[in-house]
Amino acid sequence: MRLLFLGDVVGRPGRRALAALLPRLAAREDIDFVVANCENASGGKGIDPRSAEELHEAGIDVLTSGNHVWQNRAIIPYMREQGRLLRPLNFPPGIPGVGWTVQKARRSDTRVAVVNLIGRVFMAPADCPFRAAEQALVDVRREARVVLVDMHAEATSEKVAMGRFLDGKVSAVVGSHTHVQTADEAILPGGTAHLTDAGMCGPEDSVLGVRTEQVLERFLTQMPVRFEVAAGPVLVQGAVIEVDETSGRAHSVRRVRERVEV
């Protein structure tokens, strides 16, 4: 089967680009299951229920998130009601939502597990993602052989380390958060697909999806600047991962980079 992981969706341009491209992309690539990181999907920071529904309607099966997930508090009751929008598993216990889910693939009864982790290097404090993943996988592997992990983290080293740590235990570990796609896709020795960062689904003429002039003003003046999502053509970035449904091992991983006019 084929999984599609999409990098951080940035604002309305990112949502519109996916609504336009995803049906064609999924058909062309013969995709069975789609995951996207949505933590920047509403106004460039956070996610609201309307945007979440919009992304599901575009064809995304599971939405992952990260450090900006609580930016719009309207998402909290929505997250409590359904399990297809994840928050990082290693956030403190007792908070809303879940850190992993199992859903059926579109064209078969294959069950796909998605696990959402957040890093700790150059990030706000969180529980250990390595130990959290190890503990959760005891239950996850009882329910699904195909397991995709979103490692939402700043440091390349931490994301690479997570790939090595989970090699042979999950089907794929794909990083998110930096909005910059890396070129290190690989099948690790234990059969796990790895890409340090999937990139973003956001405006190309920008700084990580934000209007360039605003980011430059912030750097040049060190004064507070309100960031806004840029306009123009959108880069849709991510990875296509081919996985053996029986063993859960990955056969291949390939980067996706599509330019969409919105």
Protein backbone atom coordinates (compact mmCIF):
# COMPACT_ATOMS: atom_id res chain seq x y z
CA MET A 1 0.00 0.00 0.00
CA ARG A 2 1.01 3.62 -0.46
CA LEU A 3 0.97 6.31 2.21
CA LEU A 4 1.22 10.05 1.56
CA PHE A 5 2.58 12.31 4.28
CA LEU A 6 2.27 16.07 3.71
CA GLY A 7 4.34 18.74 5.45
CA ASP A 8 2.92 21.55 7.58
CA VAL A 9 -0.15 23.10 5.93
CA VAL A 10 0.20 26.89 6.07
CA GLY A 11 -2.98 28.97 6.15
CA ARG A 12 -5.68 29.34 3.55
CA PRO A 13 -3.26 29.08 0.60
CA GLY A 14 -2.10 25.68 1.84
CA ARG A 15 -5.67 24.45 2.37
CA ARG A 16 -6.76 25.65 -1.07
CA ALA A 17 -3.76 24.08 -2.76
CA LEU A 18 -4.52 20.70 -1.18
CA ALA A 19 -8.20 20.91 -2.11
CA ALA A 20 -7.15 21.50 -5.72
CA LEU A 21 -4.23 19.07 -5.96
CA LEU A 22 -4.86 16.19 -3.59
CA PRO A 23 -7.52 14.28 -5.57
CA ARG A 24 -5.29 14.28 -8.66
CA LEU A 25 -2.12 13.55 -6.70
CA ALA A 26 -3.71 10.65 -4.82
CA ALA A 27 -5.03 9.13 -8.05
CA ARG A 28 -1.72 9.54 -9.88
CA GLU A 29 0.35 8.09 -7.04
CA ASP A 30 -2.18 5.35 -6.18
CA ILE A 31 -2.42 6.55 -2.58
CA ASP A 32 -4.30 4.50 0.03
CA PHE A 33 -3.91 6.75 3.09
CA VAL A 34 -3.09 10.45 3.61
CA VAL A 35 -1.64 12.18 6.68
CA ALA A 36 -0.83 15.89 6.99
CA ASN A 37 0.47 18.15 9.74
CA CYS A 38 -2.12 20.88 10.29
CA GLU A 39 -0.73 23.01 13.11
CA ASN A 40 -0.35 26.10 10.88
CA ALA A 41 -3.52 25.60 8.84
CA SER A 42 -5.60 28.47 10.27
CA GLY A 43 -4.07 31.89 9.69
CA GLY A 44 -0.56 30.44 9.77
CA LYS A 45 -0.66 29.36 13.41
CA GLY A 46 -3.01 26.83 14.97
CA ILE A 47 -6.03 25.00 13.60
CA ASP A 48 -9.77 25.63 13.98
CA PRO A 49 -12.63 23.15 13.42
CA ARG A 50 -13.63 24.61 10.06
CA SER A 51 -10.11 24.28 8.69
CA ALA A 52 -9.84 20.73 10.03
CA GLU A 53 -13.06 19.74 8.28
CA GLU A 54 -11.86 21.44 5.10
CA LEU A 55 -8.69 19.35 5.13
CA HIS A 56 -10.58 16.12 5.79
CA GLU A 57 -12.90 16.93 2.88
CA ALA A 58 -9.86 17.48 0.66
CA GLY A 59 -8.92 13.85 1.27
CA ILE A 60 -6.72 13.80 4.37
CA ASP A 61 -7.42 10.81 6.61
CA VAL A 62 -5.50 11.88 9.74
CA LEU A 63 -4.22 15.29 10.83
CA THR A 64 -1.17 15.61 13.07
CA SER A 65 -0.06 18.74 14.91
CA GLY A 66 2.63 20.23 17.14
CA ASN A 67 3.52 23.14 19.39
CA HIS A 68 0.92 25.53 17.89
CA VAL A 69 -2.04 23.16 18.21
CA TRP A 70 -3.71 25.09 21.08
CA GLN A 71 -3.37 28.51 19.40
CA ASN A 72 -7.09 28.49 18.58
CA ARG A 73 -8.94 27.18 21.62
CA ALA A 74 -12.04 26.35 19.56
CA ILE A 75 -10.18 23.23 18.50
CA ILE A 76 -10.30 21.75 22.02
CA PRO A 77 -13.95 20.55 22.02
CA TYR A 78 -13.56 19.42 18.40
CA MET A 79 -10.52 17.37 19.36
CA ARG A 80 -12.41 15.78 22.24
CA GLU A 81 -15.21 14.68 19.89
CA GLN A 82 -13.18 12.91 17.23
CA GLY A 83 -9.92 11.04 16.91
CA ARG A 84 -8.64 12.00 13.47
CA LEU A 85 -6.90 15.17 14.67
CA LEU A 86 -3.95 14.30 16.88
CA ARG A 87 -1.89 16.29 19.35
CA PRO A 88 1.61 15.19 20.34
CA LEU A 89 1.60 11.99 22.35
CA ASN A 90 4.28 13.22 24.75
CA PHE A 91 2.42 16.33 25.90
CA PRO A 92 1.64 16.18 29.65
CA PRO A 93 -1.02 13.66 30.73
CA GLY A 94 -4.62 14.76 31.24
CA ILE A 95 -4.85 17.22 28.35
CA PRO A 96 -7.49 17.01 25.58
CA GLY A 97 -7.12 14.74 22.59
CA VAL A 98 -5.04 11.69 21.76
CA GLY A 99 -1.51 11.17 20.48
CA TRP A 100 -2.17 8.20 18.22
CA THR A 101 -5.03 6.68 16.26
CA VAL A 102 -5.79 3.70 14.05
CA GLN A 103 -7.91 4.17 10.92
CA LYS A 104 -8.80 1.94 7.98
CA ALA A 105 -7.25 2.57 4.58
CA ARG A 106 -9.55 3.77 1.82
CA ARG A 107 -9.48 0.78 -0.51
CA SER A 108 -8.95 -2.10 1.88
CA ASP A 109 -9.46 -3.23 5.45
CA THR A 110 -5.81 -2.51 6.25
CA ARG A 111 -5.53 -0.69 9.55
CA VAL A 112 -3.04 2.18 9.63
CA ALA A 113 -1.74 3.64 12.88
CA VAL A 114 -0.54 7.25 13.06
CA VAL A 115 1.57 8.41 16.02
CA ASN A 116 2.26 12.11 16.70
CA LEU A 117 5.41 13.04 18.66
CA ILE A 118 7.05 16.37 19.50
CA GLY A 119 10.74 17.01 20.07
CA ARG A 120 12.43 18.69 23.03
CA VAL A 121 15.59 20.20 21.51
CA PHE A 122 15.09 23.98 20.96
CA MET A 123 11.38 23.41 21.77
CA ALA A 124 9.13 23.99 24.78
CA PRO A 125 9.37 21.35 27.53
CA ALA A 126 7.60 18.04 26.89
CA ASP A 127 7.86 14.47 28.09
CA CYS A 128 10.49 12.25 26.46
CA PRO A 129 9.32 11.40 22.91
CA PHE A 130 11.53 8.30 22.77
CA ARG A 131 10.07 6.72 25.89
CA ALA A 132 6.54 7.83 24.99
CA ALA A 133 6.83 6.19 21.57
CA GLU A 134 8.28 3.00 23.01
CA GLN A 135 5.46 2.69 25.54
CA ALA A 136 2.69 3.50 23.06
CA LEU A 137 3.93 1.01 20.48
CA VAL A 138 3.09 -1.87 22.84
CA ASP A 139 -0.59 -1.02 22.25
CA VAL A 140 -0.26 0.37 18.73
CA ARG A 141 1.29 -2.78 17.30
CA ARG A 142 -1.59 -4.87 18.67
CA GLU A 143 -3.97 -2.91 16.45
CA ALA A 144 -1.99 -2.23 13.26
CA ARG A 145 1.07 -3.47 11.40
CA VAL A 146 1.39 -0.33 9.30
CA VAL A 147 2.55 2.51 11.58
CA LEU A 148 3.49 6.05 10.50
CA VAL A 149 5.13 8.46 12.96
CA ASP A 150 5.18 12.26 12.64
CA MET A 151 8.18 13.57 14.60
CA HIS A 152 7.44 17.29 14.98
CA ALA A 153 10.79 18.76 15.99
CA GLU A 154 13.26 21.57 15.39
CA ALA A 155 16.58 19.71 15.58
CA THR A 156 17.67 17.53 12.68
CA SER A 157 19.67 15.37 15.09
CA GLU A 158 16.61 14.58 17.20
CA LYS A 159 14.54 13.62 14.16
CA VAL A 160 17.30 11.43 12.74
CA ALA A 161 17.77 9.81 16.15
CA MET A 162 14.05 9.03 16.36
CA GLY A 163 14.20 7.35 12.97
CA ARG A 164 17.08 5.18 14.15
CA PHE A 165 15.38 4.46 17.48
CA LEU A 166 12.17 3.28 15.80
CA ASP A 167 13.85 1.47 12.90
CA GLY A 168 12.26 -1.95 12.54
CA LYS A 169 9.45 -1.01 14.95
CA VAL A 170 7.35 1.20 12.64
CA SER A 171 6.78 1.61 8.91
CA ALA A 172 7.89 5.24 8.61
CA VAL A 173 9.20 8.17 10.63
CA VAL A 174 8.73 11.52 8.88
CA GLY A 175 9.68 14.85 10.43
CA SER A 176 7.72 18.09 10.40
CA HIS A 177 7.93 21.63 11.89
CA THR A 178 10.78 23.40 10.05
CA HIS A 179 8.86 23.94 6.77
CA VAL A 180 12.08 23.06 4.89
CA GLN A 181 12.10 19.76 3.01
CA THR A 182 15.25 17.69 3.50
CA ALA A 183 16.83 15.46 0.86
CA ASP A 184 17.80 12.49 3.04
CA GLU A 185 14.97 10.06 2.38
CA ALA A 186 16.05 6.47 3.08
CA ILE A 187 14.96 2.99 4.00
CA LEU A 188 16.80 2.25 7.24
CA PRO A 189 18.38 -1.17 7.91
CA GLY A 190 15.35 -2.46 9.84
CA GLY A 191 12.90 -1.58 7.07
CA THR A 192 11.64 1.79 8.31
CA ALA A 193 11.26 4.68 5.84
CA HIS A 194 12.74 7.95 7.07
CA LEU A 195 12.71 11.59 5.94
CA THR A 196 14.03 14.18 8.37
CA ASP A 197 11.53 16.86 7.32
CA ALA A 198 8.67 16.71 4.84
CA GLY A 199 8.65 20.47 4.21
CA MET A 200 5.43 22.48 3.97
CA CYS A 201 2.27 23.04 1.99
CA GLY A 202 2.58 26.80 1.91
CA PRO A 203 3.39 29.86 -0.22
CA GLU A 204 6.61 29.53 -2.18
CA ASP A 205 7.49 33.26 -2.27
CA SER A 206 7.84 33.61 1.48
CA VAL A 207 9.94 32.84 4.53
CA LEU A 208 8.54 29.50 5.73
CA GLY A 209 5.08 30.56 4.53
CA VAL A 210 5.16 34.06 6.07
CA ARG A 211 5.32 37.34 4.14
CA THR A 212 8.99 38.03 3.46
CA GLU A 213 8.94 41.75 4.30
CA GLN A 214 7.49 41.07 7.76
CA VAL A 215 10.15 38.51 8.62
CA LEU A 216 12.92 40.82 7.38
CA GLU A 217 11.52 43.69 9.46
CA ARG A 218 11.64 41.48 12.54
CA PHE A 219 15.26 40.46 11.90
CA LEU A 220 16.42 43.99 11.04
CA THR A 221 14.67 45.87 13.86
CA GLN A 222 14.19 43.19 16.56
CA MET A 223 10.78 44.77 17.13
CA PRO A 224 7.54 42.79 17.42
CA VAL A 225 5.93 42.23 14.02
CA ARG A 226 2.59 40.60 13.31
CA PHE A 227 3.24 37.76 10.87
CA GLU A 228 0.78 37.02 8.06
CA VAL A 229 0.59 34.15 5.60
CA ALA A 230 2.09 35.09 2.23
CA ALA A 231 0.23 34.99 -1.08
CA GLY A 232 1.08 33.41 -4.42
CA PRO A 233 1.83 29.91 -5.72
CA VAL A 234 1.99 27.15 -3.11
CA LEU A 235 4.58 24.40 -2.72
CA VAL A 236 2.98 21.11 -1.74
CA GLN A 237 5.72 19.01 -0.17
CA GLY A 238 5.78 15.62 1.48
CA ALA A 239 6.62 11.99 0.88
CA VAL A 240 5.10 8.90 -0.73
CA ILE A 241 5.91 5.74 1.20
CA GLU A 242 5.25 2.24 -0.11
CA VAL A 243 4.67 -0.28 2.67
CA ASP A 244 4.11 -4.04 2.80
CA GLU A 245 0.71 -4.45 4.46
CA THR A 246 1.60 -7.80 6.01
CA SER A 247 5.01 -7.07 7.52
CA GLY A 248 4.66 -3.30 7.95
CA ARG A 249 8.09 -2.78 6.40
CA ALA A 250 8.65 0.01 3.90
CA HIS A 251 9.77 -0.78 0.35
CA SER A 252 10.42 2.78 -0.81
CA VAL A 253 10.15 6.45 0.11
CA ARG A 254 10.11 9.32 -2.35
CA ARG A 255 9.83 13.05 -1.83
CA VAL A 256 6.88 15.01 -3.25
CA ARG A 257 7.24 18.60 -4.44
CA GLU A 258 4.40 20.13 -6.47
CA ARG A 259 3.79 23.80 -7.33
CA VAL A 260 0.13 24.84 -7.25
CA GLU A 261 -1.40 28.14 -8.37
CA VAL A 262 -4.11 29.28 -5.95
